[in-house]
């Protein structure tokens, strides 16, 4: 792409001459990742291409340098303020990994250092901002999916953070969307040693029985027809094991049985456990069950839809 010493930096980055700063930045990130020496070990061509990409980005990301480049072409650097191209003398050995290099490079070219990739933690300050005390956000974000049982009891997780294994203690009773802060485990600013914090967002997985509703733990309680009609003691499940509850006669399907202090762990107590009855009919009936239900139908004294049909008219 060099003719008589002139490099077309727009072609180097694969953008139009009128491309804005965001387009140039996106193209640089994509090409830099493809051509970085860590990705192409021993490939001298890729290393040369990477240096050319870095040089092009340094010029086009700076409004003053870009203006002079567009006006004077290959002589842009001799017109006005001095400043050689950083891409031509990159010492790759001083960087631990690709992210460290890009953080440093974007910082030198006018961007706030941060992680490389989705979301680009730390952000980008924009052309012309470098070296003028731009606020840097080194904090990082991550999320963890937790089974409901681990969130109920509390647990420990080992995370890989910036090539470091970090042990995280998750307390009992965390809820969906809870955030944990790990001090000093965020993004690292190359050259200064500064490091932000890591914020973990906890996402609770669904459970086949239990559902968390605020501070209360809910579940459906399957009951037979006779248990709903006649009531009595029934055996139920709780997060702590089995228990026995008293079902009142004629239990309505719209009501719930409340077990105080048997629900979700709170800071100094436990929430309530709410069991909502549902009618569970058998998949098949024995001859005796069918006979008794036929007798019940014959003996039934009330119409369950009495008044309902008239009230339903529009």
Protein backbone atom coordinates (compact mmCIF):
# COMPACT_ATOMS: atom_id res chain seq x y z
CA UNK A 1 0.00 0.00 0.00
CA UNK A 2 3.06 2.23 -0.19
CA UNK A 3 3.71 4.21 -3.38
CA UNK A 4 6.88 6.38 -3.43
CA UNK A 5 6.93 6.30 0.39
CA UNK A 6 3.25 7.19 0.73
CA UNK A 7 0.98 4.91 2.74
CA UNK A 8 -2.75 5.24 2.23
CA UNK A 9 -3.77 4.86 5.86
CA UNK A 10 -7.45 4.67 4.93
CA UNK A 11 -6.77 1.62 2.74
CA UNK A 12 -4.54 0.15 5.46
CA UNK A 13 -7.51 0.16 7.82
CA UNK A 14 -10.00 -0.72 5.08
CA UNK A 15 -12.20 2.37 5.53
CA UNK A 16 -13.42 5.18 3.30
CA UNK A 17 -11.65 8.53 3.39
CA UNK A 18 -14.65 10.13 5.02
CA UNK A 19 -14.93 7.49 7.77
CA UNK A 20 -15.74 8.82 11.23
CA UNK A 21 -13.75 8.11 14.41
CA UNK A 22 -15.98 5.22 15.54
CA UNK A 23 -15.68 3.44 12.19
CA UNK A 24 -11.89 3.82 12.24
CA UNK A 25 -11.71 2.54 15.80
CA UNK A 26 -13.85 -0.54 15.04
CA UNK A 27 -11.78 -1.40 11.99
CA UNK A 28 -8.53 -1.05 13.94
CA UNK A 29 -9.74 -3.37 16.71
CA UNK A 30 -10.77 -6.03 14.20
CA UNK A 31 -7.56 -5.90 12.16
CA UNK A 32 -5.31 -5.63 15.22
CA UNK A 33 -6.73 -8.82 16.67
CA UNK A 34 -6.30 -10.66 13.36
CA UNK A 35 -2.68 -9.58 12.82
CA UNK A 36 -1.30 -9.45 16.35
CA UNK A 37 1.96 -11.46 16.70
CA UNK A 38 0.49 -13.46 19.61
CA UNK A 39 -2.14 -14.79 17.20
CA UNK A 40 0.45 -15.36 14.43
CA UNK A 41 3.63 -16.53 16.18
CA UNK A 42 6.68 -16.41 13.94
CA UNK A 43 4.81 -14.73 11.08
CA UNK A 44 6.97 -11.75 10.12
CA UNK A 45 4.42 -10.63 7.56
CA UNK A 46 1.68 -10.45 10.17
CA UNK A 47 3.96 -8.48 12.50
CA UNK A 48 4.77 -5.99 9.74
CA UNK A 49 1.10 -5.70 8.89
CA UNK A 50 0.29 -5.12 12.55
CA UNK A 51 2.81 -2.30 12.79
CA UNK A 52 1.33 -0.72 9.67
CA UNK A 53 -2.19 -0.94 11.13
CA UNK A 54 -0.99 0.62 14.38
CA UNK A 55 0.73 3.46 12.52
CA UNK A 56 -2.38 4.13 10.44
CA UNK A 57 -4.61 4.20 13.50
CA UNK A 58 -2.28 6.54 15.39
CA UNK A 59 -2.55 9.08 12.58
CA UNK A 60 -6.24 8.78 11.70
CA UNK A 61 -7.44 8.69 15.33
CA UNK A 62 -5.86 12.08 16.07
CA UNK A 63 -7.83 14.97 14.47
CA UNK A 64 -4.75 17.20 14.03
CA UNK A 65 -2.60 14.44 12.54
CA UNK A 66 -5.42 13.33 10.28
CA UNK A 67 -5.97 16.89 9.04
CA UNK A 68 -2.28 17.27 8.20
CA UNK A 69 -2.16 13.81 6.61
CA UNK A 70 -5.14 14.57 4.37
CA UNK A 71 -3.61 17.94 3.41
CA UNK A 72 0.07 17.05 2.93
CA UNK A 73 0.05 13.29 2.26
CA UNK A 74 3.42 11.59 2.86
CA UNK A 75 4.88 14.87 4.17
CA UNK A 76 2.21 15.28 6.88
CA UNK A 77 4.64 14.65 9.72
CA UNK A 78 6.98 17.37 8.52
CA UNK A 79 4.21 19.96 8.59
CA UNK A 80 3.37 21.26 12.03
CA UNK A 81 3.86 19.41 15.30
CA UNK A 82 6.30 16.54 15.48
CA UNK A 83 5.40 13.01 16.41
CA UNK A 84 6.59 9.78 14.87
CA UNK A 85 4.47 6.75 14.27
CA UNK A 86 4.26 4.39 17.23
CA UNK A 87 3.48 1.42 15.07
CA UNK A 88 6.98 1.28 13.60
CA UNK A 89 8.85 0.50 16.84
CA UNK A 90 6.53 -1.64 18.93
CA UNK A 91 8.30 -3.82 21.50
CA UNK A 92 5.91 -6.75 21.80
CA UNK A 93 8.01 -8.44 24.47
CA UNK A 94 7.02 -5.90 27.13
CA UNK A 95 3.35 -6.93 26.98
CA UNK A 96 1.97 -9.93 28.81
CA UNK A 97 -0.88 -10.48 26.38
CA UNK A 98 -2.85 -8.91 23.55
CA UNK A 99 -5.23 -7.00 25.85
CA UNK A 100 -2.30 -5.32 27.64
CA UNK A 101 -0.92 -4.13 24.32
CA UNK A 102 -4.25 -2.73 23.06
CA UNK A 103 -4.92 -1.03 26.42
CA UNK A 104 -1.55 0.71 26.20
CA UNK A 105 -1.90 1.49 22.50
CA UNK A 106 -5.35 3.04 22.81
CA UNK A 107 -4.17 5.02 25.81
CA UNK A 108 -1.23 6.43 23.82
CA UNK A 109 -3.47 7.24 20.86
CA UNK A 110 -6.10 9.06 22.87
CA UNK A 111 -8.26 6.36 24.46
CA UNK A 112 -8.86 5.34 28.03
CA UNK A 113 -7.34 1.92 28.75
CA UNK A 114 -9.70 -0.96 29.27
CA UNK A 115 -10.44 -4.56 28.38
CA UNK A 116 -10.47 -5.52 24.72
CA UNK A 117 -13.62 -7.14 23.46
CA UNK A 118 -17.36 -7.00 24.10
CA UNK A 119 -18.35 -3.83 25.89
CA UNK A 120 -14.71 -2.66 25.95
CA UNK A 121 -14.58 -1.95 29.75
CA UNK A 122 -12.86 1.35 30.39
CA UNK A 123 -14.32 2.89 27.24
CA UNK A 124 -12.61 5.03 24.63
CA UNK A 125 -12.06 8.73 25.21
CA UNK A 126 -12.02 9.63 21.52
CA UNK A 127 -9.42 11.23 19.27
CA UNK A 128 -7.30 14.00 20.69
CA UNK A 129 -7.94 13.17 24.34
CA UNK A 130 -4.72 11.34 25.16
CA UNK A 131 -2.39 12.61 27.86
CA UNK A 132 -4.78 15.23 29.25
CA UNK A 133 -5.98 13.52 32.44
CA UNK A 134 -8.89 11.65 30.84
CA UNK A 135 -10.93 9.87 33.56
CA UNK A 136 -10.26 6.15 33.40
CA UNK A 137 -12.79 3.53 34.50
CA UNK A 138 -10.89 0.36 35.18
CA UNK A 139 -13.83 -1.46 36.78
CA UNK A 140 -15.00 -4.64 35.05
CA UNK A 141 -18.32 -6.49 34.93
CA UNK A 142 -19.08 -10.21 34.86
CA UNK A 143 -22.01 -12.49 35.68
CA UNK A 144 -22.40 -15.89 37.35
CA UNK A 145 -25.28 -18.34 36.87
CA UNK A 146 -26.21 -19.99 40.17
CA UNK A 147 -28.47 -22.98 40.85
CA UNK A 148 -31.18 -22.00 43.32
CA UNK A 149 -29.80 -24.40 45.92
CA UNK A 150 -26.36 -22.76 45.86
CA UNK A 151 -27.95 -19.34 46.25
CA UNK A 152 -30.06 -20.65 49.17
CA UNK A 153 -27.15 -22.25 51.06
CA UNK A 154 -24.29 -20.02 49.90
CA UNK A 155 -21.28 -21.39 48.07
CA UNK A 156 -17.79 -20.70 46.75
CA UNK A 157 -16.76 -20.25 43.16
CA UNK A 158 -13.32 -20.09 41.55
CA UNK A 159 -13.14 -17.61 38.68
CA UNK A 160 -10.45 -16.94 36.08
CA UNK A 161 -9.97 -13.16 36.14
CA UNK A 162 -7.25 -11.59 33.99
CA UNK A 163 -5.26 -14.86 34.01
CA UNK A 164 -5.62 -15.06 37.80
CA UNK A 165 -7.71 -17.59 39.73
CA UNK A 166 -9.92 -15.81 42.26
CA UNK A 167 -11.90 -17.50 45.02
CA UNK A 168 -15.32 -15.91 45.54
CA UNK A 169 -17.50 -16.52 48.58
CA UNK A 170 -21.20 -16.13 47.76
CA UNK A 171 -23.28 -15.69 50.93
CA UNK A 172 -26.50 -17.59 51.60
CA UNK A 173 -29.70 -15.88 50.52
CA UNK A 174 -28.48 -13.91 47.50
CA UNK A 175 -31.19 -13.03 45.00
CA UNK A 176 -31.40 -12.72 41.26
CA UNK A 177 -29.57 -9.56 40.18
CA UNK A 178 -27.49 -9.28 43.38
CA UNK A 179 -24.02 -7.75 42.84
CA UNK A 180 -20.75 -8.63 44.54
CA UNK A 181 -17.69 -6.39 44.49
CA UNK A 182 -14.19 -7.85 44.29
CA UNK A 183 -11.76 -5.06 45.14
CA UNK A 184 -8.66 -4.83 43.01
CA UNK A 185 -9.69 -7.62 40.62
CA UNK A 186 -10.77 -5.48 37.64
CA UNK A 187 -8.88 -4.20 34.61
CA UNK A 188 -5.19 -3.30 34.89
CA UNK A 189 -3.79 -0.08 33.45
CA UNK A 190 -0.44 -0.93 31.84
CA UNK A 191 2.52 1.08 33.04
CA UNK A 192 0.89 2.37 36.24
CA UNK A 193 -0.15 -0.74 38.15
CA UNK A 194 -3.58 0.76 38.76
CA UNK A 195 -6.37 -1.78 38.88
CA UNK A 196 -10.11 -1.40 39.18
CA UNK A 197 -12.71 -3.56 40.90
CA UNK A 198 -14.67 -6.47 39.49
CA UNK A 199 -18.45 -6.41 39.89
CA UNK A 200 -20.22 -9.77 39.69
CA UNK A 201 -23.92 -9.93 38.87
CA UNK A 202 -25.62 -13.10 40.14
CA UNK A 203 -28.26 -14.77 37.99
CA UNK A 204 -30.40 -17.43 39.66
CA UNK A 205 -31.42 -20.42 37.58
CA UNK A 206 -34.99 -21.65 37.61
CA UNK A 207 -35.95 -24.64 39.78
CA UNK A 208 -38.57 -27.30 38.99
CA UNK A 209 -40.35 -26.77 42.34
CA UNK A 210 -39.29 -23.60 44.13
CA UNK A 211 -39.78 -20.00 43.00
CA UNK A 212 -38.44 -16.95 44.82
CA UNK A 213 -40.95 -14.11 45.16
CA UNK A 214 -39.39 -11.19 47.06
CA UNK A 215 -38.49 -12.55 50.49
CA UNK A 216 -40.92 -15.47 50.17
CA UNK A 217 -40.26 -18.87 48.69
CA UNK A 218 -43.21 -20.32 46.77
CA UNK A 219 -44.18 -23.73 45.43
CA UNK A 220 -47.26 -25.54 44.21
CA UNK A 221 -48.55 -28.28 46.53
CA UNK A 222 -50.22 -31.21 44.73
CA UNK A 223 -53.29 -32.46 46.66
CA UNK A 224 -55.77 -35.21 45.89
CA UNK A 225 -59.51 -34.59 45.63
CA UNK A 226 -60.20 -36.07 49.07
CA UNK A 227 -57.37 -34.04 50.68
CA UNK A 228 -58.82 -30.84 49.26
CA UNK A 229 -62.36 -31.74 50.30
CA UNK A 230 -61.77 -33.34 53.68
CA UNK A 231 -58.50 -31.73 54.78
CA UNK A 232 -56.11 -33.37 57.23
CA UNK A 233 -52.40 -33.73 57.77
CA UNK A 234 -50.26 -34.02 54.64
CA UNK A 235 -46.55 -34.54 54.17
CA UNK A 236 -44.81 -31.71 52.28
CA UNK A 237 -41.32 -30.72 51.17
CA UNK A 238 -39.40 -27.70 52.48
CA UNK A 239 -35.87 -26.49 51.62
CA UNK A 240 -34.74 -28.02 54.93
CA UNK A 241 -36.41 -31.41 54.42
CA UNK A 242 -39.86 -32.89 54.89
CA UNK A 243 -42.55 -31.48 57.18
CA UNK A 244 -46.20 -32.06 58.03
CA UNK A 245 -48.88 -29.40 57.54
CA UNK A 246 -52.59 -29.27 58.34
CA UNK A 247 -54.82 -28.74 55.31
CA UNK A 248 -58.20 -27.27 56.30
CA UNK A 249 -61.38 -28.97 54.98
CA UNK A 250 -62.65 -27.48 51.73
CA UNK A 251 -59.30 -25.92 50.92
CA UNK A 252 -59.69 -23.41 48.08
CA UNK A 253 -57.24 -23.64 45.19
CA UNK A 254 -56.75 -19.88 45.38
CA UNK A 255 -55.39 -19.89 48.93
CA UNK A 256 -51.89 -20.72 50.17
CA UNK A 257 -50.54 -22.46 53.22
CA UNK A 258 -47.95 -20.30 54.98
CA UNK A 259 -45.02 -21.82 56.86
CA UNK A 260 -43.41 -18.97 58.77
CA UNK A 261 -39.65 -18.82 58.89
CA UNK A 262 -39.24 -21.76 56.51
CA UNK A 263 -38.47 -19.76 53.36
CA UNK A 264 -35.55 -17.81 51.89
CA UNK A 265 -32.58 -16.83 54.12
CA UNK A 266 -32.58 -13.13 55.04
CA UNK A 267 -29.91 -11.12 56.87
CA UNK A 268 -31.01 -12.09 60.36
CA UNK A 269 -33.97 -14.42 59.80
CA UNK A 270 -35.82 -16.49 57.24
CA UNK A 271 -38.69 -15.52 54.98
CA UNK A 272 -41.93 -17.49 54.78
CA UNK A 273 -42.68 -20.55 52.68
CA UNK A 274 -45.94 -20.39 50.72
CA UNK A 275 -47.50 -23.60 49.37
CA UNK A 276 -50.34 -23.13 46.89
CA UNK A 277 -52.58 -26.23 46.49
CA UNK A 278 -53.27 -27.64 43.05
CA UNK A 279 -55.58 -30.56 42.29
CA UNK A 280 -53.59 -33.64 41.27
CA UNK A 281 -55.78 -36.34 39.75
CA UNK A 282 -54.38 -39.83 39.19
CA UNK A 283 -53.39 -40.83 35.69
CA UNK A 284 -55.78 -43.76 35.95
CA UNK A 285 -58.51 -44.79 38.41
CA UNK A 286 -58.95 -48.13 40.08
CA UNK A 287 -62.35 -49.78 39.86
CA UNK A 288 -63.03 -48.89 43.51
CA UNK A 289 -62.07 -45.23 43.00
CA UNK A 290 -64.31 -44.98 39.96
CA UNK A 291 -67.19 -46.54 41.89
CA UNK A 292 -66.79 -44.09 44.77
CA UNK A 293 -66.63 -41.11 42.41
CA UNK A 294 -69.82 -42.29 40.70
CA UNK A 295 -71.48 -42.50 44.11
CA UNK A 296 -70.21 -39.03 44.92
CA UNK A 297 -71.67 -37.67 41.71
CA UNK A 298 -75.04 -39.16 42.54
CA UNK A 299 -74.93 -37.90 46.11
CA UNK A 300 -73.63 -34.39 45.40
CA UNK A 301 -76.01 -31.81 46.84
CA UNK A 302 -74.67 -28.60 45.29
CA UNK A 303 -74.13 -27.42 41.75
CA UNK A 304 -70.54 -26.06 41.55
CA UNK A 305 -71.62 -23.70 38.71
CA UNK A 306 -74.68 -22.33 40.45
CA UNK A 307 -74.93 -18.65 39.62
CA UNK A 308 -71.77 -18.75 37.55
CA UNK A 309 -73.48 -19.17 34.15
CA UNK A 310 -75.86 -16.26 34.76
CA UNK A 311 -73.05 -14.03 36.04
CA UNK A 312 -70.91 -14.84 33.01
CA UNK A 313 -73.34 -13.34 30.51
CA UNK A 314 -72.10 -10.20 28.72
